[in-house]
Full PDB file with SEQRES, HELIX, SHEET, SSBOND, CRYST1, ORIGX, SCALE, CONECT and MASTER records, all heavy atoms in Angstrom:
SEQRES   1 A   38  SER THR ARG GLY LEU ASP LEU ASP GLN GLN GLY PHE ILE          
SEQRES   2 A   38  HIS CYS ALA PHE PRO HIS GLN LEU GLU GLY VAL ALA ASN          
SEQRES   3 A   38  ARG PHE TYR GLY ASP VAL VAL GLU LEU LEU LEU LEU              
HELIX    1 AA1 LEU A    7  GLN A   10  1                                   4    
HELIX    2 AA2 PRO A   18  TYR A   29  1                                  12    
CRYST1    1.000    1.000    1.000  90.00  90.00  90.00 P 1           1          
ORIGX1      1.000000  0.000000  0.000000        0.00000                         
ORIGX2      0.000000  1.000000  0.000000        0.00000                         
ORIGX3      0.000000  0.000000  1.000000        0.00000                         
SCALE1      1.000000  0.000000  0.000000        0.00000                         
SCALE2      0.000000  1.000000  0.000000        0.00000                         
SCALE3      0.000000  0.000000  1.000000        0.00000                         
ATOM      1  N   SER A   1      -3.895   0.575  -8.188  1.00  0.00           N  
ATOM      2  CA  SER A   1      -2.744  -0.276  -7.968  1.00  0.00           C  
ATOM      3  C   SER A   1      -2.949  -1.124  -6.757  1.00  0.00           C  
ATOM      4  O   SER A   1      -2.843  -2.375  -6.799  1.00  0.00           O  
ATOM      5  CB  SER A   1      -1.481   0.561  -7.813  1.00  0.00           C  
ATOM      6  OG  SER A   1      -0.385  -0.250  -7.439  1.00  0.00           O  
ATOM      7  N   THR A   2      -3.203  -0.487  -5.672  1.00  0.00           N  
ATOM      8  CA  THR A   2      -3.467  -1.142  -4.399  1.00  0.00           C  
ATOM      9  C   THR A   2      -4.238  -0.120  -3.534  1.00  0.00           C  
ATOM     10  O   THR A   2      -4.434   1.008  -3.965  1.00  0.00           O  
ATOM     11  CB  THR A   2      -2.145  -1.591  -3.737  1.00  0.00           C  
ATOM     12  OG1 THR A   2      -2.480  -2.464  -2.613  1.00  0.00           O  
ATOM     13  CG2 THR A   2      -1.328  -0.433  -3.222  1.00  0.00           C  
ATOM     14  N   ARG A   3      -4.644  -0.508  -2.413  1.00  0.00           N  
ATOM     15  CA  ARG A   3      -5.449   0.350  -1.558  1.00  0.00           C  
ATOM     16  C   ARG A   3      -4.816   1.749  -1.384  1.00  0.00           C  
ATOM     17  O   ARG A   3      -3.711   1.857  -0.888  1.00  0.00           O  
ATOM     18  CB  ARG A   3      -5.643  -0.323  -0.217  1.00  0.00           C  
ATOM     19  CG  ARG A   3      -6.617   0.389   0.659  1.00  0.00           C  
ATOM     20  CD  ARG A   3      -6.823  -0.408   1.917  1.00  0.00           C  
ATOM     21  NE  ARG A   3      -7.802   0.223   2.771  1.00  0.00           N  
ATOM     22  CZ  ARG A   3      -8.156  -0.195   3.941  1.00  0.00           C  
ATOM     23  NH1 ARG A   3      -7.598  -1.295   4.432  1.00  0.00           N  
ATOM     24  NH2 ARG A   3      -9.063   0.426   4.643  1.00  0.00           N  
ATOM     25  N   GLY A   4      -5.505   2.745  -1.854  1.00  0.00           N  
ATOM     26  CA  GLY A   4      -5.074   4.116  -1.685  1.00  0.00           C  
ATOM     27  C   GLY A   4      -4.097   4.625  -2.733  1.00  0.00           C  
ATOM     28  O   GLY A   4      -3.715   5.802  -2.698  1.00  0.00           O  
ATOM     29  N   LEU A   5      -3.686   3.787  -3.663  1.00  0.00           N  
ATOM     30  CA  LEU A   5      -2.767   4.226  -4.715  1.00  0.00           C  
ATOM     31  C   LEU A   5      -3.283   3.827  -6.085  1.00  0.00           C  
ATOM     32  O   LEU A   5      -3.782   2.699  -6.271  1.00  0.00           O  
ATOM     33  CB  LEU A   5      -1.394   3.568  -4.506  1.00  0.00           C  
ATOM     34  CG  LEU A   5      -0.621   3.948  -3.241  1.00  0.00           C  
ATOM     35  CD1 LEU A   5       0.617   3.114  -3.098  1.00  0.00           C  
ATOM     36  CD2 LEU A   5      -0.252   5.440  -3.281  1.00  0.00           C  
ATOM     37  N   ASP A   6      -3.113   4.731  -7.058  1.00  0.00           N  
ATOM     38  CA  ASP A   6      -3.545   4.407  -8.410  1.00  0.00           C  
ATOM     39  C   ASP A   6      -2.366   4.079  -9.297  1.00  0.00           C  
ATOM     40  O   ASP A   6      -1.209   4.187  -8.877  1.00  0.00           O  
ATOM     41  CB  ASP A   6      -4.428   5.496  -9.006  1.00  0.00           C  
ATOM     42  CG  ASP A   6      -3.728   6.808  -9.245  1.00  0.00           C  
ATOM     43  OD1 ASP A   6      -2.490   6.817  -9.424  1.00  0.00           O  
ATOM     44  OD2 ASP A   6      -4.424   7.855  -9.268  1.00  0.00           O  
ATOM     45  N   LEU A   7      -2.654   3.696 -10.495  1.00  0.00           N  
ATOM     46  CA  LEU A   7      -1.643   3.294 -11.448  1.00  0.00           C  
ATOM     47  C   LEU A   7      -0.623   4.412 -11.706  1.00  0.00           C  
ATOM     48  O   LEU A   7       0.588   4.156 -11.809  1.00  0.00           O  
ATOM     49  CB  LEU A   7      -2.305   2.848 -12.777  1.00  0.00           C  
ATOM     50  CG  LEU A   7      -1.402   2.417 -13.909  1.00  0.00           C  
ATOM     51  CD1 LEU A   7      -0.533   1.216 -13.506  1.00  0.00           C  
ATOM     52  CD2 LEU A   7      -2.241   2.046 -15.115  1.00  0.00           C  
ATOM     53  N   ASP A   8      -1.100   5.650 -11.803  1.00  0.00           N  
ATOM     54  CA  ASP A   8      -0.191   6.791 -12.059  1.00  0.00           C  
ATOM     55  C   ASP A   8       0.772   6.973 -10.891  1.00  0.00           C  
ATOM     56  O   ASP A   8       1.937   7.328 -11.105  1.00  0.00           O  
ATOM     57  CB  ASP A   8      -0.977   8.065 -12.309  1.00  0.00           C  
ATOM     58  CG  ASP A   8      -1.790   7.977 -13.583  1.00  0.00           C  
ATOM     59  OD1 ASP A   8      -1.350   7.326 -14.532  1.00  0.00           O  
ATOM     60  OD2 ASP A   8      -2.880   8.591 -13.631  1.00  0.00           O  
ATOM     61  N   GLN A   9       0.311   6.788  -9.688  1.00  0.00           N  
ATOM     62  CA  GLN A   9       1.174   6.971  -8.521  1.00  0.00           C  
ATOM     63  C   GLN A   9       2.178   5.841  -8.340  1.00  0.00           C  
ATOM     64  O   GLN A   9       3.333   6.057  -7.981  1.00  0.00           O  
ATOM     65  CB  GLN A   9       0.310   7.060  -7.234  1.00  0.00           C  
ATOM     66  CG  GLN A   9      -0.596   8.247  -7.188  1.00  0.00           C  
ATOM     67  CD  GLN A   9      -1.647   8.132  -6.116  1.00  0.00           C  
ATOM     68  OE1 GLN A   9      -2.334   7.129  -6.029  1.00  0.00           O  
ATOM     69  NE2 GLN A   9      -1.747   9.143  -5.279  1.00  0.00           N  
ATOM     70  N   GLN A  10       1.745   4.622  -8.582  1.00  0.00           N  
ATOM     71  CA  GLN A  10       2.565   3.444  -8.334  1.00  0.00           C  
ATOM     72  C   GLN A  10       3.339   2.958  -9.549  1.00  0.00           C  
ATOM     73  O   GLN A  10       4.399   2.391  -9.416  1.00  0.00           O  
ATOM     74  CB  GLN A  10       1.674   2.306  -7.800  1.00  0.00           C  
ATOM     75  CG  GLN A  10       2.405   1.138  -7.191  1.00  0.00           C  
ATOM     76  CD  GLN A  10       3.064   1.511  -5.876  1.00  0.00           C  
ATOM     77  OE1 GLN A  10       2.852   2.550  -5.278  1.00  0.00           O  
ATOM     78  NE2 GLN A  10       3.938   0.621  -5.417  1.00  0.00           N  
ATOM     79  N   GLY A  11       2.766   3.143 -10.735  1.00  0.00           N  
ATOM     80  CA  GLY A  11       3.432   2.710 -11.960  1.00  0.00           C  
ATOM     81  C   GLY A  11       3.074   1.298 -12.386  1.00  0.00           C  
ATOM     82  O   GLY A  11       3.520   0.840 -13.445  1.00  0.00           O  
ATOM     83  N   PHE A  12       2.335   0.590 -11.574  1.00  0.00           N  
ATOM     84  CA  PHE A  12       1.908  -0.758 -11.916  1.00  0.00           C  
ATOM     85  C   PHE A  12       0.724  -1.138 -11.003  1.00  0.00           C  
ATOM     86  O   PHE A  12       0.414  -0.401 -10.080  1.00  0.00           O  
ATOM     87  CB  PHE A  12       3.033  -1.775 -11.702  1.00  0.00           C  
ATOM     88  CG  PHE A  12       3.628  -1.785 -10.311  1.00  0.00           C  
ATOM     89  CD1 PHE A  12       3.104  -2.652  -9.352  1.00  0.00           C  
ATOM     90  CD2 PHE A  12       4.652  -0.945  -9.969  1.00  0.00           C  
ATOM     91  CE1 PHE A  12       3.625  -2.642  -8.062  1.00  0.00           C  
ATOM     92  CE2 PHE A  12       5.194  -0.942  -8.686  1.00  0.00           C  
ATOM     93  CZ  PHE A  12       4.652  -1.808  -7.719  1.00  0.00           C  
ATOM     94  N   ILE A  13       0.068  -2.224 -11.341  1.00  0.00           N  
ATOM     95  CA  ILE A  13      -1.057  -2.707 -10.533  1.00  0.00           C  
ATOM     96  C   ILE A  13      -0.596  -3.946  -9.780  1.00  0.00           C  
ATOM     97  O   ILE A  13      -0.137  -4.915 -10.414  1.00  0.00           O  
ATOM     98  CB  ILE A  13      -2.283  -2.993 -11.420  1.00  0.00           C  
ATOM     99  CG1 ILE A  13      -2.792  -1.677 -12.006  1.00  0.00           C  
ATOM    100  CG2 ILE A  13      -3.364  -3.700 -10.614  1.00  0.00           C  
ATOM    101  CD1 ILE A  13      -3.967  -1.801 -12.914  1.00  0.00           C  
ATOM    102  N   HIS A  14      -0.705  -3.904  -8.459  1.00  0.00           N  
ATOM    103  CA  HIS A  14      -0.290  -5.065  -7.660  1.00  0.00           C  
ATOM    104  C   HIS A  14      -1.223  -6.239  -7.873  1.00  0.00           C  
ATOM    105  O   HIS A  14      -2.439  -6.094  -7.864  1.00  0.00           O  
ATOM    106  CB  HIS A  14      -0.415  -4.676  -6.157  1.00  0.00           C  
ATOM    107  CG  HIS A  14       0.711  -3.820  -5.679  1.00  0.00           C  
ATOM    108  ND1 HIS A  14       1.877  -4.351  -5.214  1.00  0.00           N  
ATOM    109  CD2 HIS A  14       0.827  -2.480  -5.558  1.00  0.00           C  
ATOM    110  CE1 HIS A  14       2.678  -3.365  -4.857  1.00  0.00           C  
ATOM    111  NE2 HIS A  14       2.062  -2.226  -5.049  1.00  0.00           N  
ATOM    112  N   CYS A  15      -0.616  -7.379  -8.042  1.00  0.00           N  
ATOM    113  CA  CYS A  15      -1.376  -8.643  -8.192  1.00  0.00           C  
ATOM    114  C   CYS A  15      -0.691  -9.678  -7.321  1.00  0.00           C  
ATOM    115  O   CYS A  15       0.356  -9.431  -6.765  1.00  0.00           O  
ATOM    116  CB  CYS A  15      -1.391  -9.085  -9.650  1.00  0.00           C  
ATOM    117  SG  CYS A  15      -2.314  -7.998 -10.730  1.00  0.00           S  
ATOM    118  N   ALA A  16      -1.303 -10.824  -7.249  1.00  0.00           N  
ATOM    119  CA  ALA A  16      -0.744 -11.917  -6.427  1.00  0.00           C  
ATOM    120  C   ALA A  16      -1.109 -13.251  -7.043  1.00  0.00           C  
ATOM    121  O   ALA A  16      -2.069 -13.362  -7.810  1.00  0.00           O  
ATOM    122  CB  ALA A  16      -1.310 -11.845  -5.002  1.00  0.00           C  
ATOM    123  N   PHE A  17      -0.311 -14.218  -6.711  1.00  0.00           N  
ATOM    124  CA  PHE A  17      -0.642 -15.629  -7.037  1.00  0.00           C  
ATOM    125  C   PHE A  17      -1.464 -16.196  -5.908  1.00  0.00           C  
ATOM    126  O   PHE A  17      -1.459 -15.649  -4.760  1.00  0.00           O  
ATOM    127  CB  PHE A  17       0.636 -16.451  -7.244  1.00  0.00           C  
ATOM    128  CG  PHE A  17       1.417 -16.032  -8.444  1.00  0.00           C  
ATOM    129  CD1 PHE A  17       2.675 -15.487  -8.317  1.00  0.00           C  
ATOM    130  CD2 PHE A  17       0.911 -16.184  -9.738  1.00  0.00           C  
ATOM    131  CE1 PHE A  17       3.414 -15.121  -9.415  1.00  0.00           C  
ATOM    132  CE2 PHE A  17       1.640 -15.815 -10.850  1.00  0.00           C  
ATOM    133  CZ  PHE A  17       2.884 -15.247 -10.692  1.00  0.00           C  
ATOM    134  N   PRO A  18      -2.195 -17.260  -6.114  1.00  0.00           N  
ATOM    135  CA  PRO A  18      -3.067 -17.797  -5.064  1.00  0.00           C  
ATOM    136  C   PRO A  18      -2.373 -18.035  -3.733  1.00  0.00           C  
ATOM    137  O   PRO A  18      -2.955 -17.754  -2.660  1.00  0.00           O  
ATOM    138  CB  PRO A  18      -3.579 -19.114  -5.659  1.00  0.00           C  
ATOM    139  CG  PRO A  18      -3.630 -18.826  -7.148  1.00  0.00           C  
ATOM    140  CD  PRO A  18      -2.371 -17.978  -7.379  1.00  0.00           C  
ATOM    141  N   HIS A  19      -1.144 -18.532  -3.758  1.00  0.00           N  
ATOM    142  CA  HIS A  19      -0.445 -18.841  -2.491  1.00  0.00           C  
ATOM    143  C   HIS A  19      -0.064 -17.581  -1.718  1.00  0.00           C  
ATOM    144  O   HIS A  19       0.235 -17.641  -0.526  1.00  0.00           O  
ATOM    145  CB  HIS A  19       0.782 -19.731  -2.741  1.00  0.00           C  
ATOM    146  CG  HIS A  19       1.898 -19.026  -3.424  1.00  0.00           C  
ATOM    147  ND1 HIS A  19       1.945 -18.907  -4.811  1.00  0.00           N  
ATOM    148  CD2 HIS A  19       2.973 -18.387  -2.934  1.00  0.00           C  
ATOM    149  CE1 HIS A  19       3.047 -18.228  -5.129  1.00  0.00           C  
ATOM    150  NE2 HIS A  19       3.699 -17.922  -4.032  1.00  0.00           N  
ATOM    151  N   GLN A  20      -0.111 -16.424  -2.333  1.00  0.00           N  
ATOM    152  CA  GLN A  20       0.215 -15.133  -1.691  1.00  0.00           C  
ATOM    153  C   GLN A  20      -0.990 -14.395  -1.200  1.00  0.00           C  
ATOM    154  O   GLN A  20      -0.876 -13.420  -0.436  1.00  0.00           O  
ATOM    155  CB  GLN A  20       0.965 -14.240  -2.696  1.00  0.00           C  
ATOM    156  CG  GLN A  20       2.249 -14.805  -3.221  1.00  0.00           C  
ATOM    157  CD  GLN A  20       2.776 -14.008  -4.385  1.00  0.00           C  
ATOM    158  OE1 GLN A  20       2.042 -13.683  -5.304  1.00  0.00           O  
ATOM    159  NE2 GLN A  20       4.062 -13.701  -4.333  1.00  0.00           N  
ATOM    160  N   LEU A  21      -2.161 -14.801  -1.630  1.00  0.00           N  
ATOM    161  CA  LEU A  21      -3.379 -14.024  -1.443  1.00  0.00           C  
ATOM    162  C   LEU A  21      -3.733 -13.765   0.036  1.00  0.00           C  
ATOM    163  O   LEU A  21      -4.036 -12.628   0.400  1.00  0.00           O  
ATOM    164  CB  LEU A  21      -4.541 -14.730  -2.151  1.00  0.00           C  
ATOM    165  CG  LEU A  21      -5.778 -13.884  -2.361  1.00  0.00           C  
ATOM    166  CD1 LEU A  21      -5.462 -12.671  -3.239  1.00  0.00           C  
ATOM    167  CD2 LEU A  21      -6.841 -14.720  -3.007  1.00  0.00           C  
ATOM    168  N   GLU A  22      -3.674 -14.772   0.845  1.00  0.00           N  
ATOM    169  CA  GLU A  22      -4.064 -14.622   2.236  1.00  0.00           C  
ATOM    170  C   GLU A  22      -3.174 -13.583   2.940  1.00  0.00           C  
ATOM    171  O   GLU A  22      -3.673 -12.708   3.651  1.00  0.00           O  
ATOM    172  CB  GLU A  22      -4.013 -15.951   2.985  1.00  0.00           C  
ATOM    173  CG  GLU A  22      -4.486 -15.849   4.415  1.00  0.00           C  
ATOM    174  CD  GLU A  22      -4.490 -17.174   5.139  1.00  0.00           C  
ATOM    175  OE1 GLU A  22      -4.154 -18.222   4.502  1.00  0.00           O  
ATOM    176  OE2 GLU A  22      -4.813 -17.188   6.321  1.00  0.00           O  
ATOM    177  N   GLY A  23      -1.877 -13.646   2.730  1.00  0.00           N  
ATOM    178  CA  GLY A  23      -0.964 -12.697   3.351  1.00  0.00           C  
ATOM    179  C   GLY A  23      -1.208 -11.274   2.888  1.00  0.00           C  
ATOM    180  O   GLY A  23      -1.213 -10.319   3.676  1.00  0.00           O  
ATOM    181  N   VAL A  24      -1.439 -11.077   1.583  1.00  0.00           N  
ATOM    182  CA  VAL A  24      -1.706  -9.754   1.053  1.00  0.00           C  
ATOM    183  C   VAL A  24      -3.026  -9.220   1.636  1.00  0.00           C  
ATOM    184  O   VAL A  24      -3.106  -8.072   2.079  1.00  0.00           O  
ATOM    185  CB  VAL A  24      -1.751  -9.793  -0.507  1.00  0.00           C  
ATOM    186  CG1 VAL A  24      -2.243  -8.473  -1.047  1.00  0.00           C  
ATOM    187  CG2 VAL A  24      -0.415 -10.140  -1.061  1.00  0.00           C  
ATOM    188  N   ALA A  25      -4.047 -10.034   1.620  1.00  0.00           N  
ATOM    189  CA  ALA A  25      -5.341  -9.605   2.148  1.00  0.00           C  
ATOM    190  C   ALA A  25      -5.278  -9.219   3.613  1.00  0.00           C  
ATOM    191  O   ALA A  25      -5.796  -8.179   4.011  1.00  0.00           O  
ATOM    192  CB  ALA A  25      -6.369 -10.700   1.938  1.00  0.00           C  
ATOM    193  N   ASN A  26      -4.584 -10.013   4.384  1.00  0.00           N  
ATOM    194  CA  ASN A  26      -4.467  -9.705   5.816  1.00  0.00           C  
ATOM    195  C   ASN A  26      -3.635  -8.463   6.073  1.00  0.00           C  
ATOM    196  O   ASN A  26      -3.965  -7.654   6.953  1.00  0.00           O  
ATOM    197  CB  ASN A  26      -3.879 -10.899   6.592  1.00  0.00           C  
ATOM    198  CG  ASN A  26      -4.814 -12.050   6.683  1.00  0.00           C  
ATOM    199  OD1 ASN A  26      -6.039 -11.872   6.628  1.00  0.00           O  
ATOM    200  ND2 ASN A  26      -4.279 -13.243   6.827  1.00  0.00           N  
ATOM    201  N   ARG A  27      -2.561  -8.305   5.323  1.00  0.00           N  
ATOM    202  CA  ARG A  27      -1.664  -7.148   5.554  1.00  0.00           C  
ATOM    203  C   ARG A  27      -2.269  -5.809   5.123  1.00  0.00           C  
ATOM    204  O   ARG A  27      -2.132  -4.831   5.827  1.00  0.00           O  
ATOM    205  CB  ARG A  27      -0.367  -7.380   4.816  1.00  0.00           C  
ATOM    206  CG  ARG A  27       0.631  -6.259   5.027  1.00  0.00           C  
ATOM    207  CD  ARG A  27       1.978  -6.585   4.450  1.00  0.00           C  
ATOM    208  NE  ARG A  27       2.904  -5.477   4.710  1.00  0.00           N  
ATOM    209  CZ  ARG A  27       4.093  -5.379   4.219  1.00  0.00           C  
ATOM    210  NH1 ARG A  27       4.537  -6.354   3.453  1.00  0.00           N  
ATOM    211  NH2 ARG A  27       4.841  -4.372   4.473  1.00  0.00           N  
ATOM    212  N   PHE A  28      -2.917  -5.778   3.949  1.00  0.00           N  
ATOM    213  CA  PHE A  28      -3.377  -4.516   3.405  1.00  0.00           C  
ATOM    214  C   PHE A  28      -4.859  -4.272   3.502  1.00  0.00           C  
ATOM    215  O   PHE A  28      -5.331  -3.126   3.379  1.00  0.00           O  
ATOM    216  CB  PHE A  28      -2.953  -4.415   1.940  1.00  0.00           C  
ATOM    217  CG  PHE A  28      -1.468  -4.407   1.749  1.00  0.00           C  
ATOM    218  CD1 PHE A  28      -0.789  -5.518   1.322  1.00  0.00           C  
ATOM    219  CD2 PHE A  28      -0.721  -3.274   2.049  1.00  0.00           C  
ATOM    220  CE1 PHE A  28       0.579  -5.540   1.169  1.00  0.00           C  
ATOM    221  CE2 PHE A  28       0.671  -3.259   1.898  1.00  0.00           C  
ATOM    222  CZ  PHE A  28       1.315  -4.394   1.459  1.00  0.00           C  
ATOM    223  N   TYR A  29      -5.662  -5.329   3.734  1.00  0.00           N  
ATOM    224  CA  TYR A  29      -7.116  -5.184   3.748  1.00  0.00           C  
ATOM    225  C   TYR A  29      -7.762  -5.829   4.981  1.00  0.00           C  
ATOM    226  O   TYR A  29      -8.959  -6.110   4.957  1.00  0.00           O  
ATOM    227  CB  TYR A  29      -7.713  -5.810   2.481  1.00  0.00           C  
ATOM    228  CG  TYR A  29      -7.201  -5.150   1.207  1.00  0.00           C  
ATOM    229  CD1 TYR A  29      -6.097  -5.689   0.509  1.00  0.00           C  
ATOM    230  CD2 TYR A  29      -7.807  -4.024   0.674  1.00  0.00           C  
ATOM    231  CE1 TYR A  29      -5.648  -5.120  -0.655  1.00  0.00           C  
ATOM    232  CE2 TYR A  29      -7.358  -3.437  -0.493  1.00  0.00           C  
ATOM    233  CZ  TYR A  29      -6.283  -3.988  -1.143  1.00  0.00           C  
ATOM    234  OH  TYR A  29      -5.820  -3.411  -2.293  1.00  0.00           O  
ATOM    235  N   GLY A  30      -7.002  -6.074   6.025  1.00  0.00           N  
ATOM    236  CA  GLY A  30      -7.509  -6.771   7.181  1.00  0.00           C  
ATOM    237  C   GLY A  30      -8.693  -6.110   7.846  1.00  0.00           C  
ATOM    238  O   GLY A  30      -9.517  -6.793   8.503  1.00  0.00           O  
ATOM    239  N   ASP A  31      -8.839  -4.821   7.706  1.00  0.00           N  
ATOM    240  CA  ASP A  31      -9.948  -4.122   8.344  1.00  0.00           C  
ATOM    241  C   ASP A  31     -11.145  -3.920   7.443  1.00  0.00           C  
ATOM    242  O   ASP A  31     -12.133  -3.297   7.780  1.00  0.00           O  
ATOM    243  CB  ASP A  31      -9.455  -2.736   8.810  1.00  0.00           C  
ATOM    244  CG  ASP A  31      -9.002  -1.871   7.664  1.00  0.00           C  
ATOM    245  OD1 ASP A  31      -8.453  -2.395   6.679  1.00  0.00           O  
ATOM    246  OD2 ASP A  31      -9.200  -0.630   7.728  1.00  0.00           O  
ATOM    247  N   VAL A  32     -11.081  -4.442   6.205  1.00  0.00           N  
ATOM    248  CA  VAL A  32     -12.150  -4.261   5.211  1.00  0.00           C  
ATOM    249  C   VAL A  32     -13.084  -5.454   5.249  1.00  0.00           C  
ATOM    250  O   VAL A  32     -12.635  -6.613   5.214  1.00  0.00           O  
ATOM    251  CB  VAL A  32     -11.552  -4.082   3.801  1.00  0.00           C  
ATOM    252  CG1 VAL A  32     -12.665  -3.910   2.783  1.00  0.00           C  
ATOM    253  CG2 VAL A  32     -10.595  -2.907   3.774  1.00  0.00           C  
ATOM    254  N   VAL A  33     -14.373  -5.204   5.289  1.00  0.00           N  
ATOM    255  CA  VAL A  33     -15.355  -6.242   5.403  1.00  0.00           C  
ATOM    256  C   VAL A  33     -15.661  -6.900   4.019  1.00  0.00           C  
ATOM    257  O   VAL A  33     -15.774  -8.102   3.913  1.00  0.00           O  
ATOM    258  CB  VAL A  33     -16.679  -5.717   6.013  1.00  0.00           C  
ATOM    259  CG1 VAL A  33     -17.761  -6.779   6.020  1.00  0.00           C  
ATOM    260  CG2 VAL A  33     -16.409  -5.203   7.421  1.00  0.00           C  
ATOM    261  N   GLU A  34     -15.752  -6.064   2.987  1.00  0.00           N  
ATOM    262  CA  GLU A  34     -16.131  -6.585   1.675  1.00  0.00           C  
ATOM    263  C   GLU A  34     -15.059  -6.279   0.650  1.00  0.00           C  
ATOM    264  O   GLU A  34     -14.652  -5.136   0.474  1.00  0.00           O  
ATOM    265  CB  GLU A  34     -17.437  -5.985   1.187  1.00  0.00           C  
ATOM    266  CG  GLU A  34     -17.955  -6.553  -0.085  1.00  0.00           C  
ATOM    267  CD  GLU A  34     -19.291  -5.978  -0.515  1.00  0.00           C  
ATOM    268  OE1 GLU A  34     -19.868  -5.159   0.208  1.00  0.00           O  
ATOM    269  OE2 GLU A  34     -19.721  -6.333  -1.612  1.00  0.00           O  
ATOM    270  N   LEU A  35     -14.545  -7.318  -0.012  1.00  0.00           N  
ATOM    271  CA  LEU A  35     -13.564  -7.190  -1.059  1.00  0.00           C  
ATOM    272  C   LEU A  35     -13.976  -8.020  -2.280  1.00  0.00           C  
ATOM    273  O   LEU A  35     -14.800  -8.950  -2.150  1.00  0.00           O  
ATOM    274  CB  LEU A  35     -12.191  -7.725  -0.591  1.00  0.00           C  
ATOM    275  CG  LEU A  35     -11.547  -6.953   0.556  1.00  0.00           C  
ATOM    276  CD1 LEU A  35     -10.358  -7.753   1.100  1.00  0.00           C  
ATOM    277  CD2 LEU A  35     -11.082  -5.604   0.071  1.00  0.00           C  
ATOM    278  N   LEU A  36     -13.420  -7.702  -3.403  1.00  0.00           N  
ATOM    279  CA  LEU A  36     -13.598  -8.497  -4.608  1.00  0.00           C  
ATOM    280  C   LEU A  36     -12.284  -9.086  -5.003  1.00  0.00           C  
ATOM    281  O   LEU A  36     -11.228  -8.469  -4.830  1.00  0.00           O  
ATOM    282  CB  LEU A  36     -14.137  -7.611  -5.747  1.00  0.00           C  
ATOM    283  CG  LEU A  36     -15.474  -6.942  -5.532  1.00  0.00           C  
ATOM    284  CD1 LEU A  36     -15.802  -6.009  -6.682  1.00  0.00           C  
ATOM    285  CD2 LEU A  36     -16.568  -7.984  -5.356  1.00  0.00           C  
ATOM    286  N   LEU A  37     -12.326 -10.230  -5.592  1.00  0.00           N  
ATOM    287  CA  LEU A  37     -11.127 -10.887  -6.107  1.00  0.00           C  
ATOM    288  C   LEU A  37     -11.231 -10.895  -7.635  1.00  0.00           C  
ATOM    289  O   LEU A  37     -12.113 -11.560  -8.199  1.00  0.00           O  
ATOM    290  CB  LEU A  37     -10.992 -12.302  -5.543  1.00  0.00           C  
ATOM    291  CG  LEU A  37      -9.717 -13.039  -5.887  1.00  0.00           C  
ATOM    292  CD1 LEU A  37      -8.504 -12.256  -5.402  1.00  0.00           C  
ATOM    293  CD2 LEU A  37      -9.751 -14.418  -5.281  1.00  0.00           C  
ATOM    294  N   LEU A  38     -10.349 -10.144  -8.280  1.00  0.00           N  
ATOM    295  CA  LEU A  38     -10.364 -10.097  -9.728  1.00  0.00           C  
ATOM    296  C   LEU A  38      -9.376 -11.144 -10.281  1.00  0.00           C  
ATOM    297  O   LEU A  38      -8.245 -11.228  -9.791  1.00  0.00           O  
ATOM    298  CB  LEU A  38      -9.987  -8.709 -10.209  1.00  0.00           C  
ATOM    299  CG  LEU A  38     -10.803  -7.536  -9.661  1.00  0.00           C  
ATOM    300  CD1 LEU A  38     -10.295  -6.228 -10.258  1.00  0.00           C  
ATOM    301  CD2 LEU A  38     -12.281  -7.729  -9.901  1.00  0.00           C  
TER     302      LEU A  38                                                      
MASTER        0    0    0    2    0    0    0    6  301    1    0    3          
END                                                                             
């Protein structure tokens, strides 16, 4: 679903539109060096 949570725990998979991406990445993945964008 998102970092540290799976679909069973959260009930859905978090997604974003392009204009939301930077904020989501900074808030939840700011300390991660390598990410993938699906």
